[in-house]
């Protein structure tokens, strides 16, 4: 009986494997199996990572923190200030790459304290008022430099929307 089940599974698996072959290699491969171009946007001096990497039309932006001496001194509104600093730093990178907040498709938010979720969410919403990207928010035990928030994101550069009303 067990051999019959294995044979049935193998009979199903072989045709399915043929359907999945074009997916082999993941997002680094384009049509016809050719590797897609990978570009380092900006290396971090004395650090083993890049601020952004482009593969095809997809941009992977490294996590950023927005902590400064002035944000550390804030008794209230610190998370809002950090989120604004982070997104303004992303805006600078976006200007270099031609990406916009409209192109962002995935955001990961790390919070040192999940109690800061509502404040982070209000500041975050200012940057994505329409058609927000997918997002997950994770509470972590600590963030570099004593930051309260770290954000990383993925963007897919798309053509500019057409001018004028849609037909």
Foldseek 3Di string as FASTA:
>chain_A
DVVVVVVVVVVVVVVVVVVCVVCPPHPQADPPRHGFDKDQLACDPPDDDGQWIDGPQKIWGDKDWQDDPVLVPDPPPSLLNRLVSRVVVVVVSCVVVVHAQVQWAEKEKEFCDCVCVVVNVVSVCVRPVDPHHHYDYYYDNADPPRGGMMMITMGGDDDDDDPDDDD
